[in-house]
Amino acid sequence: MALTEQRVLKQVTILPQSNSIQVQWADQILRDGELVSENFHRSAYGQDQKDAFVSEVDDALPYVAIMGW
């Protein structure tokens, strides 16, 4: 039985009125490819947190471009 972990991006919400981006993701644990555990998380990033957003969120660059960061 092989256990693997993965982070799955669930939702990205662009909040132009506050110049921020809200991200929801799930940390999943799979056993032999079957989901056994899932924990949801949410975080918001402002323009001054661009570097953290890019390093923590897969495929973040298109959202950075949309926001004009």
Protein backbone atom coordinates (compact mmCIF):
# COMPACT_ATOMS: atom_id res chain seq x y z
CA MET A 1 0.00 0.00 0.00
CA ALA A 2 1.57 3.21 -1.21
CA LEU A 3 0.55 6.50 0.40
CA THR A 4 0.99 9.70 -1.56
CA GLU A 5 0.21 13.32 -0.78
CA GLN A 6 -0.89 16.01 -3.17
CA ARG A 7 -2.17 19.58 -3.09
CA VAL A 8 -5.09 20.28 -5.40
CA LEU A 9 -6.10 23.82 -6.29
CA LYS A 10 -9.89 24.05 -5.93
CA GLN A 11 -10.73 27.72 -6.49
CA VAL A 12 -9.05 31.03 -7.20
CA THR A 13 -11.06 34.21 -6.67
CA ILE A 14 -9.72 37.50 -7.93
CA LEU A 15 -10.77 40.42 -5.72
CA PRO A 16 -9.91 43.54 -7.75
CA GLN A 17 -11.57 45.92 -5.27
CA SER A 18 -8.97 44.97 -2.65
CA ASN A 19 -6.19 44.13 -5.15
CA SER A 20 -5.95 40.63 -3.72
CA ILE A 21 -6.44 36.99 -4.66
CA GLN A 22 -8.16 34.35 -2.53
CA VAL A 23 -7.15 30.73 -3.02
CA GLN A 24 -8.77 27.51 -1.82
CA TRP A 25 -6.98 24.17 -2.02
CA ALA A 26 -7.16 20.67 -0.63
CA ASP A 27 -4.30 18.65 0.79
CA GLN A 28 -5.10 15.07 -0.12
CA ILE A 29 -3.72 11.72 0.98
CA LEU A 30 -4.18 8.83 -1.40
CA ARG A 31 -3.65 5.13 -0.83
CA ASP A 32 -2.95 3.26 -4.05
CA GLY A 33 -4.61 6.11 -5.98
CA GLU A 34 -7.78 6.21 -3.82
CA LEU A 35 -8.57 9.28 -1.73
CA VAL A 36 -8.44 8.52 2.00
CA SER A 37 -8.16 12.02 3.51
CA GLU A 38 -8.77 15.58 2.38
CA ASN A 39 -8.22 18.82 4.30
CA PHE A 40 -9.34 22.14 2.85
CA HIS A 41 -7.48 25.41 3.27
CA ARG A 42 -8.04 29.02 2.24
CA SER A 43 -5.61 31.88 2.02
CA ALA A 44 -5.65 35.42 0.65
CA TYR A 45 -2.71 37.19 -0.93
CA GLY A 46 -2.24 40.91 -1.47
CA GLN A 47 0.11 42.49 -3.99
CA ASP A 48 2.87 42.71 -1.38
CA GLN A 49 2.60 38.90 -1.00
CA LYS A 50 3.08 38.19 -4.71
CA ASP A 51 6.28 36.17 -4.19
CA ALA A 52 4.60 33.94 -1.58
CA PHE A 53 1.58 33.46 -3.86
CA VAL A 54 3.74 32.42 -6.81
CA SER A 55 5.82 30.00 -4.71
CA GLU A 56 2.88 28.44 -2.84
CA VAL A 57 0.25 28.13 -5.58
CA ASP A 58 0.74 26.00 -8.70
CA ASP A 59 0.06 27.88 -11.94
CA ALA A 60 -0.16 31.23 -10.15
CA LEU A 61 1.45 33.35 -12.86
CA PRO A 62 -1.67 33.80 -15.05
CA TYR A 63 -3.50 35.24 -12.02
CA VAL A 64 -0.60 37.59 -11.30
CA ALA A 65 -0.83 38.82 -14.89
CA ILE A 66 -4.61 39.36 -14.64
CA MET A 67 -4.16 41.43 -11.48
CA GLY A 68 -1.39 43.47 -13.08
CA TRP A 69 1.07 42.62 -10.35
